[in-house]
Amino acid sequence: MLKEITILIPTYNRAELLDKNLESISTQDFKGKIKCVISDNASSDHTKDIVSKWKNRNMYITYLKNKNEIPPIENFINASKKIDTEYSKFLQDDDWLEPNALSRMSYYFDLHQADELIFNCNIFSYNQNQPRYNYYKLNNTQVSKDNVLNSFLRIDKTIPTSPSISVQKSEMIIEALNFSKKNIACTPLLLGNDLIFTYFGVFNHKKVHFINESVVNFWGGKDSITMYADRHLFSSCYFNSLLMLIQKFNYKPTDPQLEVLRHRIFVHNFKKLYKKELKDIMYDSLYTQKLSYSQLLKYIKTKLT
């Protein structure tokens, strides 16, 4: 059973949502010690007051505030530098935990002897009356590289990427965060970085389990990546992150995956012809660009160097 855990909360101008976030941590039925590290990216609202409110309720909180706004990925890394427990998890400032979330995580770590757990979630949307419970339609499984590729190539069901849905060994978090920085063009929005953060361990031969149990709640605002996952799955940011993982761990895609990758590479290159404001248009025709596996690897290496 987990004896202690660190919850990392990067935040920026979301004081009211952070209040709900911290309240959900304070009501956990977890018997171990919960440490919170809040990394405030130079918020101009009353975030500091919210943190002080919960500190006064005997929560173990470390509060960091940047003097100036920095890229989100750097704010995540700042939080991770304060980890001093074996297991940690991120919790986005607009998400909150079910009361039994941490105890269930502890139970499943014991059950599967895993390095990382990924959970289902509930989404409370600004434009819908009813929450979407158990948002991802997946079964309990040990996550494989094929699961990850098939999801992002749209060959199979979509899998979650938000940092809030996973809990993992702290050393894995730090390694994944530092690697994700290499996707430099995408760090301002964290697009693609979440893919690396959540599934780096899968490619790095760690034991990662998906648990079809919703222990985290998401607030689905207009800018929600979770709610509009299909719009982001094959943006250039996620595409580059996927290629980075393939290259780093020398993963050889299956023939069906290669076919889709060839198609996506064609689309990716084709979109460069558009004006800047049109580059994010999704394009999903059945056109297949004929590329050999060696040409694909050459493209990946060129793209990432």
C-alpha atoms as a PDB file:
ATOM      1  CA  MET A   1       0.000   0.000   0.000  1.00  0.00           C
ATOM      2  CA  LEU A   2       1.157   3.551  -0.699  1.00  0.00           C
ATOM      3  CA  LYS A   3       2.346   5.262   2.475  1.00  0.00           C
ATOM      4  CA  GLU A   4       2.712   8.723   0.938  1.00  0.00           C
ATOM      5  CA  ILE A   5       2.234  10.514  -2.361  1.00  0.00           C
ATOM      6  CA  THR A   6       3.045  13.918  -3.850  1.00  0.00           C
ATOM      7  CA  ILE A   7       0.382  15.743  -5.858  1.00  0.00           C
ATOM      8  CA  LEU A   8       1.814  18.315  -8.268  1.00  0.00           C
ATOM      9  CA  ILE A   9      -0.514  21.197  -9.197  1.00  0.00           C
ATOM     10  CA  PRO A  10       0.690  23.706 -11.801  1.00  0.00           C
ATOM     11  CA  THR A  11      -1.685  26.676 -11.825  1.00  0.00           C
ATOM     12  CA  TYR A  12      -2.295  30.002 -13.522  1.00  0.00           C
ATOM     13  CA  ASN A  13      -5.128  32.441 -12.756  1.00  0.00           C
ATOM     14  CA  ARG A  14      -7.639  29.781 -11.752  1.00  0.00           C
ATOM     15  CA  ALA A  15      -8.122  30.551  -8.080  1.00  0.00           C
ATOM     16  CA  GLU A  16     -11.736  29.367  -7.840  1.00  0.00           C
ATOM     17  CA  LEU A  17     -11.052  26.126  -9.664  1.00  0.00           C
ATOM     18  CA  LEU A  18      -7.931  25.568  -7.572  1.00  0.00           C
ATOM     19  CA  ASP A  19     -10.082  25.934  -4.455  1.00  0.00           C
ATOM     20  CA  LYS A  20     -12.274  23.012  -5.599  1.00  0.00           C
ATOM     21  CA  ASN A  21      -9.147  21.077  -6.550  1.00  0.00           C
ATOM     22  CA  LEU A  22      -7.626  21.436  -3.060  1.00  0.00           C
ATOM     23  CA  GLU A  23     -10.924  20.692  -1.353  1.00  0.00           C
ATOM     24  CA  SER A  24     -11.040  17.341  -3.176  1.00  0.00           C
ATOM     25  CA  ILE A  25      -7.569  16.514  -1.860  1.00  0.00           C
ATOM     26  CA  SER A  26      -8.503  17.465   1.698  1.00  0.00           C
ATOM     27  CA  THR A  27     -11.435  15.000   1.731  1.00  0.00           C
ATOM     28  CA  GLN A  28      -9.490  11.915   0.570  1.00  0.00           C
ATOM     29  CA  ASP A  29     -10.020   8.704   2.538  1.00  0.00           C
ATOM     30  CA  PHE A  30      -6.352   7.795   1.874  1.00  0.00           C
ATOM     31  CA  LYS A  31      -4.586   6.739   5.084  1.00  0.00           C
ATOM     32  CA  GLY A  32      -1.103   7.776   3.997  1.00  0.00           C
ATOM     33  CA  LYS A  33       0.529  11.196   3.848  1.00  0.00           C
ATOM     34  CA  ILE A  34      -0.465  13.553   1.015  1.00  0.00           C
ATOM     35  CA  LYS A  35       1.960  16.277  -0.002  1.00  0.00           C
ATOM     36  CA  CYS A  36       0.886  19.038  -2.407  1.00  0.00           C
ATOM     37  CA  VAL A  37       3.280  21.111  -4.500  1.00  0.00           C
ATOM     38  CA  ILE A  38       1.559  24.107  -6.111  1.00  0.00           C
ATOM     39  CA  SER A  39       3.576  25.854  -8.797  1.00  0.00           C
ATOM     40  CA  ASP A  40       1.965  29.214  -9.565  1.00  0.00           C
ATOM     41  CA  ASN A  41       2.941  30.626 -12.947  1.00  0.00           C
ATOM     42  CA  ALA A  42       2.814  34.300 -11.859  1.00  0.00           C
ATOM     43  CA  SER A  43      -0.969  34.434 -11.387  1.00  0.00           C
ATOM     44  CA  SER A  44      -2.504  37.900 -11.026  1.00  0.00           C
ATOM     45  CA  ASP A  45      -5.680  36.720  -9.249  1.00  0.00           C
ATOM     46  CA  HIS A  46      -6.112  35.639  -5.603  1.00  0.00           C
ATOM     47  CA  THR A  47      -4.458  32.235  -5.999  1.00  0.00           C
ATOM     48  CA  LYS A  48      -2.098  32.917  -3.090  1.00  0.00           C
ATOM     49  CA  ASP A  49      -5.073  33.550  -0.772  1.00  0.00           C
ATOM     50  CA  ILE A  50      -6.670  30.240  -1.766  1.00  0.00           C
ATOM     51  CA  VAL A  51      -3.419  28.410  -1.034  1.00  0.00           C
ATOM     52  CA  SER A  52      -3.141  30.134   2.378  1.00  0.00           C
ATOM     53  CA  LYS A  53      -6.712  29.105   3.190  1.00  0.00           C
ATOM     54  CA  TRP A  54      -5.909  25.425   2.715  1.00  0.00           C
ATOM     55  CA  LYS A  55      -2.495  25.648   4.353  1.00  0.00           C
ATOM     56  CA  ASN A  56      -4.273  26.796   7.483  1.00  0.00           C
ATOM     57  CA  ARG A  57      -6.265  23.563   7.461  1.00  0.00           C
ATOM     58  CA  ASN A  58      -3.144  21.523   8.121  1.00  0.00           C
ATOM     59  CA  MET A  59      -2.592  20.359   4.553  1.00  0.00           C
ATOM     60  CA  TYR A  60       1.026  19.661   3.601  1.00  0.00           C
ATOM     61  CA  ILE A  61       1.435  22.314   0.907  1.00  0.00           C
ATOM     62  CA  THR A  62       4.574  23.692  -0.729  1.00  0.00           C
ATOM     63  CA  TYR A  63       3.738  26.875  -2.631  1.00  0.00           C
ATOM     64  CA  LEU A  64       6.002  28.164  -5.399  1.00  0.00           C
ATOM     65  CA  LYS A  65       5.285  31.357  -7.317  1.00  0.00           C
ATOM     66  CA  ASN A  66       7.223  32.455 -10.389  1.00  0.00           C
ATOM     67  CA  LYS A  67       8.153  36.136 -10.563  1.00  0.00           C
ATOM     68  CA  ASN A  68       7.339  36.135 -14.276  1.00  0.00           C
ATOM     69  CA  GLU A  69       5.254  33.850 -16.456  1.00  0.00           C
ATOM     70  CA  ILE A  70       7.249  30.973 -17.940  1.00  0.00           C
ATOM     71  CA  PRO A  71       6.361  28.240 -20.489  1.00  0.00           C
ATOM     72  CA  PRO A  72       3.878  25.750 -18.969  1.00  0.00           C
ATOM     73  CA  ILE A  73       6.268  22.819 -19.326  1.00  0.00           C
ATOM     74  CA  GLU A  74       8.839  24.703 -17.237  1.00  0.00           C
ATOM     75  CA  ASN A  75       6.181  25.313 -14.591  1.00  0.00           C
ATOM     76  CA  PHE A  76       5.503  21.569 -14.517  1.00  0.00           C
ATOM     77  CA  ILE A  77       9.225  20.909 -14.120  1.00  0.00           C
ATOM     78  CA  ASN A  78       9.461  23.452 -11.294  1.00  0.00           C
ATOM     79  CA  ALA A  79       6.825  21.513  -9.392  1.00  0.00           C
ATOM     80  CA  SER A  80       8.567  18.185 -10.014  1.00  0.00           C
ATOM     81  CA  LYS A  81      11.796  19.466  -8.408  1.00  0.00           C
ATOM     82  CA  LYS A  82      10.056  19.387  -5.025  1.00  0.00           C
ATOM     83  CA  ILE A  83       9.121  15.706  -5.168  1.00  0.00           C
ATOM     84  CA  ASP A  84      10.454  13.669  -2.249  1.00  0.00           C
ATOM     85  CA  THR A  85       8.167  10.622  -2.412  1.00  0.00           C
ATOM     86  CA  GLU A  86       8.443   7.426  -4.452  1.00  0.00           C
ATOM     87  CA  TYR A  87       5.090   7.998  -6.202  1.00  0.00           C
ATOM     88  CA  SER A  88       3.618  11.218  -7.545  1.00  0.00           C
ATOM     89  CA  LYS A  89       0.858  12.507  -9.734  1.00  0.00           C
ATOM     90  CA  PHE A  90      -0.055  15.721 -11.497  1.00  0.00           C
ATOM     91  CA  LEU A  91      -3.478  17.231 -10.981  1.00  0.00           C
ATOM     92  CA  GLN A  92      -4.373  20.065 -13.331  1.00  0.00           C
ATOM     93  CA  ASP A  93      -5.744  23.092 -11.476  1.00  0.00           C
ATOM     94  CA  ASP A  94      -9.222  22.737 -13.047  1.00  0.00           C
ATOM     95  CA  ASP A  95      -9.569  19.018 -12.188  1.00  0.00           C
ATOM     96  CA  TRP A  96     -10.578  17.397  -8.905  1.00  0.00           C
ATOM     97  CA  LEU A  97     -10.436  13.958  -7.304  1.00  0.00           C
ATOM     98  CA  GLU A  98     -13.152  11.589  -6.196  1.00  0.00           C
ATOM     99  CA  PRO A  99     -12.996  11.086  -2.369  1.00  0.00           C
ATOM    100  CA  ASN A 100     -11.553   7.565  -2.768  1.00  0.00           C
ATOM    101  CA  ALA A 101      -9.143   8.377  -5.626  1.00  0.00           C
ATOM    102  CA  LEU A 102      -5.839   7.945  -3.816  1.00  0.00           C
ATOM    103  CA  SER A 103      -6.922   4.867  -1.867  1.00  0.00           C
ATOM    104  CA  ARG A 104      -8.031   3.227  -5.133  1.00  0.00           C
ATOM    105  CA  MET A 105      -4.707   4.107  -6.714  1.00  0.00           C
ATOM    106  CA  SER A 106      -2.937   2.487  -3.786  1.00  0.00           C
ATOM    107  CA  TYR A 107      -5.095  -0.634  -4.146  1.00  0.00           C
ATOM    108  CA  TYR A 108      -4.341  -1.015  -7.861  1.00  0.00           C
ATOM    109  CA  PHE A 109      -0.620  -0.488  -7.394  1.00  0.00           C
ATOM    110  CA  ASP A 110      -0.632  -3.434  -5.012  1.00  0.00           C
ATOM    111  CA  LEU A 111      -2.824  -5.500  -7.315  1.00  0.00           C
ATOM    112  CA  HIS A 112      -0.776  -5.025 -10.495  1.00  0.00           C
ATOM    113  CA  GLN A 113       2.688  -4.218  -9.115  1.00  0.00           C
ATOM    114  CA  ALA A 114       2.742  -1.507 -11.760  1.00  0.00           C
ATOM    115  CA  ASP A 115       5.084   1.435 -12.375  1.00  0.00           C
ATOM    116  CA  GLU A 116       2.231   3.633 -13.569  1.00  0.00           C
ATOM    117  CA  LEU A 117      -1.559   3.618 -13.488  1.00  0.00           C
ATOM    118  CA  ILE A 118      -3.846   5.453 -15.906  1.00  0.00           C
ATOM    119  CA  PHE A 119      -7.492   5.918 -14.919  1.00  0.00           C
ATOM    120  CA  ASN A 120     -10.751   6.745 -16.618  1.00  0.00           C
ATOM    121  CA  CYS A 121     -12.432  10.063 -15.817  1.00  0.00           C
ATOM    122  CA  ASN A 122     -15.707  11.967 -15.646  1.00  0.00           C
ATOM    123  CA  ILE A 123     -16.124  15.200 -17.600  1.00  0.00           C
ATOM    124  CA  PHE A 124     -18.293  18.069 -16.432  1.00  0.00           C
ATOM    125  CA  SER A 125     -18.841  20.207 -19.511  1.00  0.00           C
ATOM    126  CA  TYR A 126     -19.764  23.883 -19.603  1.00  0.00           C
ATOM    127  CA  ASN A 127     -22.243  23.221 -22.433  1.00  0.00           C
ATOM    128  CA  GLN A 128     -23.932  20.001 -21.262  1.00  0.00           C
ATOM    129  CA  ASN A 129     -26.433  19.366 -18.473  1.00  0.00           C
ATOM    130  CA  GLN A 130     -25.202  15.878 -17.603  1.00  0.00           C
ATOM    131  CA  PRO A 131     -21.600  14.874 -16.882  1.00  0.00           C
ATOM    132  CA  ARG A 132     -19.974  12.324 -19.136  1.00  0.00           C
ATOM    133  CA  TYR A 133     -19.172   9.474 -16.776  1.00  0.00           C
ATOM    134  CA  ASN A 134     -16.422   6.983 -17.675  1.00  0.00           C
ATOM    135  CA  TYR A 135     -15.536   9.105 -20.666  1.00  0.00           C
ATOM    136  CA  TYR A 136     -13.117   6.647 -22.287  1.00  0.00           C
ATOM    137  CA  LYS A 137     -14.631   3.401 -23.544  1.00  0.00           C
ATOM    138  CA  LEU A 138     -11.798   1.068 -22.656  1.00  0.00           C
ATOM    139  CA  ASN A 139     -11.346  -2.091 -20.649  1.00  0.00           C
ATOM    140  CA  ASN A 140      -8.780  -2.772 -17.939  1.00  0.00           C
ATOM    141  CA  THR A 141      -5.526  -3.622 -19.666  1.00  0.00           C
ATOM    142  CA  GLN A 142      -1.766  -3.403 -19.491  1.00  0.00           C
ATOM    143  CA  VAL A 143      -1.010  -0.610 -21.938  1.00  0.00           C
ATOM    144  CA  SER A 144       1.207  -1.488 -24.903  1.00  0.00           C
ATOM    145  CA  LYS A 145       2.999   0.594 -27.516  1.00  0.00           C
ATOM    146  CA  ASP A 146       0.431  -0.638 -30.032  1.00  0.00           C
ATOM    147  CA  ASN A 147      -2.374   0.749 -27.846  1.00  0.00           C
ATOM    148  CA  VAL A 148      -0.729   4.170 -27.917  1.00  0.00           C
ATOM    149  CA  LEU A 149       0.001   4.230 -31.648  1.00  0.00           C
ATOM    150  CA  ASN A 150      -3.369   2.801 -32.619  1.00  0.00           C
ATOM    151  CA  SER A 151      -5.128   5.474 -30.601  1.00  0.00           C
ATOM    152  CA  PHE A 152      -3.233   8.386 -32.105  1.00  0.00           C
ATOM    153  CA  LEU A 153      -3.386   6.939 -35.589  1.00  0.00           C
ATOM    154  CA  ARG A 154      -7.148   6.453 -35.103  1.00  0.00           C
ATOM    155  CA  ILE A 155      -6.907   2.751 -35.779  1.00  0.00           C
ATOM    156  CA  ASP A 156      -8.464   1.939 -32.404  1.00  0.00           C
ATOM    157  CA  LYS A 157     -10.201   3.603 -29.455  1.00  0.00           C
ATOM    158  CA  THR A 158      -8.916   6.887 -28.123  1.00  0.00           C
ATOM    159  CA  ILE A 159      -6.866   6.708 -24.926  1.00  0.00           C
ATOM    160  CA  PRO A 160      -6.494   9.569 -22.424  1.00  0.00           C
ATOM    161  CA  THR A 161      -3.472  11.863 -22.229  1.00  0.00           C
ATOM    162  CA  SER A 162      -4.172  14.435 -19.519  1.00  0.00           C
ATOM    163  CA  PRO A 163      -1.533  14.397 -16.756  1.00  0.00           C
ATOM    164  CA  SER A 164      -4.376  14.311 -14.205  1.00  0.00           C
ATOM    165  CA  ILE A 165      -5.404  10.748 -15.045  1.00  0.00           C
ATOM    166  CA  SER A 166      -2.092   9.065 -14.225  1.00  0.00           C
ATOM    167  CA  VAL A 167      -0.061   8.282 -11.118  1.00  0.00           C
ATOM    168  CA  GLN A 168       3.440   6.926 -11.451  1.00  0.00           C
ATOM    169  CA  LYS A 169       6.850   6.467  -9.913  1.00  0.00           C
ATOM    170  CA  SER A 170       8.393   9.886  -9.417  1.00  0.00           C
ATOM    171  CA  GLU A 171      11.571   9.072 -11.336  1.00  0.00           C
ATOM    172  CA  MET A 172       9.426   8.351 -14.410  1.00  0.00           C
ATOM    173  CA  ILE A 173       7.691  11.722 -14.146  1.00  0.00           C
ATOM    174  CA  ILE A 174      10.982  13.611 -14.100  1.00  0.00           C
ATOM    175  CA  GLU A 175      12.466  11.661 -17.023  1.00  0.00           C
ATOM    176  CA  ALA A 176       9.336  12.097 -19.149  1.00  0.00           C
ATOM    177  CA  LEU A 177       9.071  15.829 -18.456  1.00  0.00           C
ATOM    178  CA  ASN A 178      12.667  16.477 -19.426  1.00  0.00           C
ATOM    179  CA  PHE A 179      12.292  14.461 -22.624  1.00  0.00           C
ATOM    180  CA  SER A 180       9.082  16.257 -23.588  1.00  0.00           C
ATOM    181  CA  LYS A 181      10.932  19.593 -23.597  1.00  0.00           C
ATOM    182  CA  LYS A 182      12.532  18.519 -26.870  1.00  0.00           C
ATOM    183  CA  ASN A 183       9.227  19.183 -28.601  1.00  0.00           C
ATOM    184  CA  ILE A 184      10.065  22.853 -28.120  1.00  0.00           C
ATOM    185  CA  ALA A 185       7.635  24.431 -30.570  1.00  0.00           C
ATOM    186  CA  CYS A 186       4.674  22.892 -28.739  1.00  0.00           C
ATOM    187  CA  THR A 187       5.553  23.535 -25.093  1.00  0.00           C
ATOM    188  CA  PRO A 188       3.661  26.878 -24.881  1.00  0.00           C
ATOM    189  CA  LEU A 189       0.341  24.971 -25.090  1.00  0.00           C
ATOM    190  CA  LEU A 190       1.549  21.633 -23.697  1.00  0.00           C
ATOM    191  CA  LEU A 191       0.098  19.976 -26.802  1.00  0.00           C
ATOM    192  CA  GLY A 192       1.909  16.720 -27.362  1.00  0.00           C
ATOM    193  CA  ASN A 193       3.844  17.059 -24.119  1.00  0.00           C
ATOM    194  CA  ASP A 194       0.953  15.349 -22.324  1.00  0.00           C
ATOM    195  CA  LEU A 195       1.232  12.383 -24.691  1.00  0.00           C
ATOM    196  CA  ILE A 196       4.914  11.980 -23.840  1.00  0.00           C
ATOM    197  CA  PHE A 197       4.330  12.520 -20.140  1.00  0.00           C
ATOM    198  CA  THR A 198       1.588   9.898 -19.893  1.00  0.00           C
ATOM    199  CA  TYR A 199       3.026   7.211 -22.188  1.00  0.00           C
ATOM    200  CA  PHE A 200       6.802   7.626 -21.954  1.00  0.00           C
ATOM    201  CA  GLY A 201       6.860   4.720 -19.521  1.00  0.00           C
ATOM    202  CA  VAL A 202       5.050   2.430 -21.975  1.00  0.00           C
ATOM    203  CA  PHE A 203       7.777   2.957 -24.574  1.00  0.00           C
ATOM    204  CA  ASN A 204      10.459   2.747 -21.880  1.00  0.00           C
ATOM    205  CA  HIS A 205       9.462  -0.836 -21.002  1.00  0.00           C
ATOM    206  CA  LYS A 206       7.661   0.032 -17.751  1.00  0.00           C
ATOM    207  CA  LYS A 207       4.563  -1.744 -16.509  1.00  0.00           C
ATOM    208  CA  VAL A 208       1.638   0.613 -17.164  1.00  0.00           C
ATOM    209  CA  HIS A 209      -2.005  -0.342 -16.527  1.00  0.00           C
ATOM    210  CA  PHE A 210      -5.193   1.356 -17.651  1.00  0.00           C
ATOM    211  CA  ILE A 211      -7.938   1.060 -15.018  1.00  0.00           C
ATOM    212  CA  ASN A 212     -11.517   1.515 -16.197  1.00  0.00           C
ATOM    213  CA  GLU A 213     -12.558   3.330 -13.049  1.00  0.00           C
ATOM    214  CA  SER A 214     -13.170   7.080 -12.889  1.00  0.00           C
ATOM    215  CA  VAL A 215     -11.379   8.628  -9.940  1.00  0.00           C
ATOM    216  CA  VAL A 216     -10.684  12.039 -11.489  1.00  0.00           C
ATOM    217  CA  ASN A 217     -13.161  14.693 -12.600  1.00  0.00           C
ATOM    218  CA  PHE A 218     -12.375  17.133 -15.412  1.00  0.00           C
ATOM    219  CA  TRP A 219     -13.834  20.543 -15.991  1.00  0.00           C
ATOM    220  CA  GLY A 220     -14.488  20.672 -19.743  1.00  0.00           C
ATOM    221  CA  GLY A 221     -14.178  24.320 -20.677  1.00  0.00           C
ATOM    222  CA  LYS A 222     -14.050  25.774 -24.171  1.00  0.00           C
ATOM    223  CA  ASP A 223     -10.294  25.216 -24.295  1.00  0.00           C
ATOM    224  CA  SER A 224     -10.451  21.631 -23.025  1.00  0.00           C
ATOM    225  CA  ILE A 225      -8.037  19.302 -24.812  1.00  0.00           C
ATOM    226  CA  THR A 226      -9.807  16.329 -23.227  1.00  0.00           C
ATOM    227  CA  MET A 227     -13.243  17.247 -24.537  1.00  0.00           C
ATOM    228  CA  TYR A 228     -12.007  17.963 -28.021  1.00  0.00           C
ATOM    229  CA  ALA A 229      -9.362  15.267 -28.250  1.00  0.00           C
ATOM    230  CA  ASP A 230     -10.213  14.406 -31.849  1.00  0.00           C
ATOM    231  CA  ARG A 231      -9.364  17.942 -32.924  1.00  0.00           C
ATOM    232  CA  HIS A 232      -5.903  17.710 -31.408  1.00  0.00           C
ATOM    233  CA  LEU A 233      -4.890  14.087 -31.971  1.00  0.00           C
ATOM    234  CA  PHE A 234      -3.075  14.755 -35.165  1.00  0.00           C
ATOM    235  CA  SER A 235      -2.012  18.300 -34.831  1.00  0.00           C
ATOM    236  CA  SER A 236       1.666  18.619 -35.666  1.00  0.00           C
ATOM    237  CA  CYS A 237       2.429  18.745 -31.926  1.00  0.00           C
ATOM    238  CA  TYR A 238       1.031  15.287 -31.202  1.00  0.00           C
ATOM    239  CA  PHE A 239       2.477  13.980 -34.436  1.00  0.00           C
ATOM    240  CA  ASN A 240       5.978  15.155 -33.505  1.00  0.00           C
ATOM    241  CA  SER A 241       5.647  13.758 -29.976  1.00  0.00           C
ATOM    242  CA  LEU A 242       4.624  10.380 -31.353  1.00  0.00           C
ATOM    243  CA  LEU A 243       7.558  10.358 -33.758  1.00  0.00           C
ATOM    244  CA  MET A 244       9.908  11.326 -30.933  1.00  0.00           C
ATOM    245  CA  LEU A 245       8.827   8.279 -28.913  1.00  0.00           C
ATOM    246  CA  ILE A 246       9.110   5.986 -31.938  1.00  0.00           C
ATOM    247  CA  GLN A 247      12.618   7.188 -32.662  1.00  0.00           C
ATOM    248  CA  LYS A 248      13.974   7.277 -29.110  1.00  0.00           C
ATOM    249  CA  PHE A 249      12.920   3.724 -28.324  1.00  0.00           C
ATOM    250  CA  ASN A 250      13.520   2.282 -31.814  1.00  0.00           C
ATOM    251  CA  TYR A 251       9.957   1.059 -32.042  1.00  0.00           C
ATOM    252  CA  LYS A 252       9.107  -0.602 -35.353  1.00  0.00           C
ATOM    253  CA  PRO A 253       5.477   0.099 -36.298  1.00  0.00           C
ATOM    254  CA  THR A 254       3.294  -2.695 -37.648  1.00  0.00           C
ATOM    255  CA  ASP A 255       2.326  -2.679 -41.328  1.00  0.00           C
ATOM    256  CA  PRO A 256      -1.141  -1.153 -40.654  1.00  0.00           C
ATOM    257  CA  GLN A 257       0.460   1.525 -38.491  1.00  0.00           C
ATOM    258  CA  LEU A 258       3.026   2.257 -41.179  1.00  0.00           C
ATOM    259  CA  GLU A 259       0.312   2.750 -43.752  1.00  0.00           C
ATOM    260  CA  VAL A 260      -1.393   5.341 -41.601  1.00  0.00           C
ATOM    261  CA  LEU A 261       1.912   6.994 -40.697  1.00  0.00           C
ATOM    262  CA  ARG A 262       2.718   7.325 -44.387  1.00  0.00           C
ATOM    263  CA  HIS A 263      -0.620   8.941 -44.956  1.00  0.00           C
ATOM    264  CA  ARG A 264      -0.164  11.297 -42.010  1.00  0.00           C
ATOM    265  CA  ILE A 265       3.302  12.295 -43.180  1.00  0.00           C
ATOM    266  CA  PHE A 266       1.865  13.161 -46.556  1.00  0.00           C
ATOM    267  CA  VAL A 267      -0.871  15.236 -44.902  1.00  0.00           C
ATOM    268  CA  HIS A 268       1.637  16.859 -42.567  1.00  0.00           C
ATOM    269  CA  ASN A 269       3.807  17.930 -45.508  1.00  0.00           C
ATOM    270  CA  PHE A 270       0.839  18.914 -47.628  1.00  0.00           C
ATOM    271  CA  LYS A 271      -0.477  21.247 -44.930  1.00  0.00           C
ATOM    272  CA  LYS A 272       2.754  23.222 -45.063  1.00  0.00           C
ATOM    273  CA  LEU A 273       1.487  24.657 -48.344  1.00  0.00           C
ATOM    274  CA  TYR A 274      -1.420  26.351 -46.548  1.00  0.00           C
ATOM    275  CA  LYS A 275      -1.382  29.818 -45.115  1.00  0.00           C
ATOM    276  CA  LYS A 276      -0.483  29.858 -41.447  1.00  0.00           C
ATOM    277  CA  GLU A 277      -4.052  30.257 -40.227  1.00  0.00           C
ATOM    278  CA  LEU A 278      -5.196  27.197 -42.210  1.00  0.00           C
ATOM    279  CA  LYS A 279      -2.510  24.725 -41.143  1.00  0.00           C
ATOM    280  CA  ASP A 280      -4.575  23.196 -38.334  1.00  0.00           C
ATOM    281  CA  ILE A 281      -7.349  22.024 -40.652  1.00  0.00           C
ATOM    282  CA  MET A 282      -7.895  18.297 -40.248  1.00  0.00           C
ATOM    283  CA  TYR A 283      -7.609  16.245 -43.413  1.00  0.00           C
ATOM    284  CA  ASP A 284      -8.581  12.591 -43.463  1.00  0.00           C
ATOM    285  CA  SER A 285      -8.870  11.368 -47.031  1.00  0.00           C
ATOM    286  CA  LEU A 286      -7.923   7.776 -47.803  1.00  0.00           C
ATOM    287  CA  TYR A 287      -4.971   8.844 -49.933  1.00  0.00           C
ATOM    288  CA  THR A 288      -1.930   6.640 -49.327  1.00  0.00           C
ATOM    289  CA  GLN A 289       1.511   8.044 -49.980  1.00  0.00           C
ATOM    290  CA  LYS A 290       3.915   5.296 -51.028  1.00  0.00           C
ATOM    291  CA  LEU A 291       6.929   5.457 -48.745  1.00  0.00           C
ATOM    292  CA  SER A 292       9.268   2.692 -47.719  1.00  0.00           C
ATOM    293  CA  TYR A 293      10.105   2.008 -44.081  1.00  0.00           C
ATOM    294  CA  SER A 294      13.632   3.383 -44.615  1.00  0.00           C
ATOM    295  CA  GLN A 295      12.179   6.581 -46.069  1.00  0.00           C
ATOM    296  CA  LEU A 296       9.906   6.888 -43.048  1.00  0.00           C
ATOM    297  CA  LEU A 297      12.856   6.580 -40.659  1.00  0.00           C
ATOM    298  CA  LYS A 298      14.802   9.115 -42.687  1.00  0.00           C
ATOM    299  CA  TYR A 299      11.879  11.527 -42.418  1.00  0.00           C
ATOM    300  CA  ILE A 300      11.669  11.016 -38.643  1.00  0.00           C
ATOM    301  CA  LYS A 301      15.392  11.645 -38.154  1.00  0.00           C
ATOM    302  CA  THR A 302      15.303  14.729 -40.361  1.00  0.00           C
ATOM    303  CA  LYS A 303      12.282  16.055 -38.541  1.00  0.00           C
ATOM    304  CA  LEU A 304      13.829  15.711 -35.110  1.00  0.00           C
ATOM    305  CA  THR A 305      17.374  16.923 -35.730  1.00  0.00           C
END
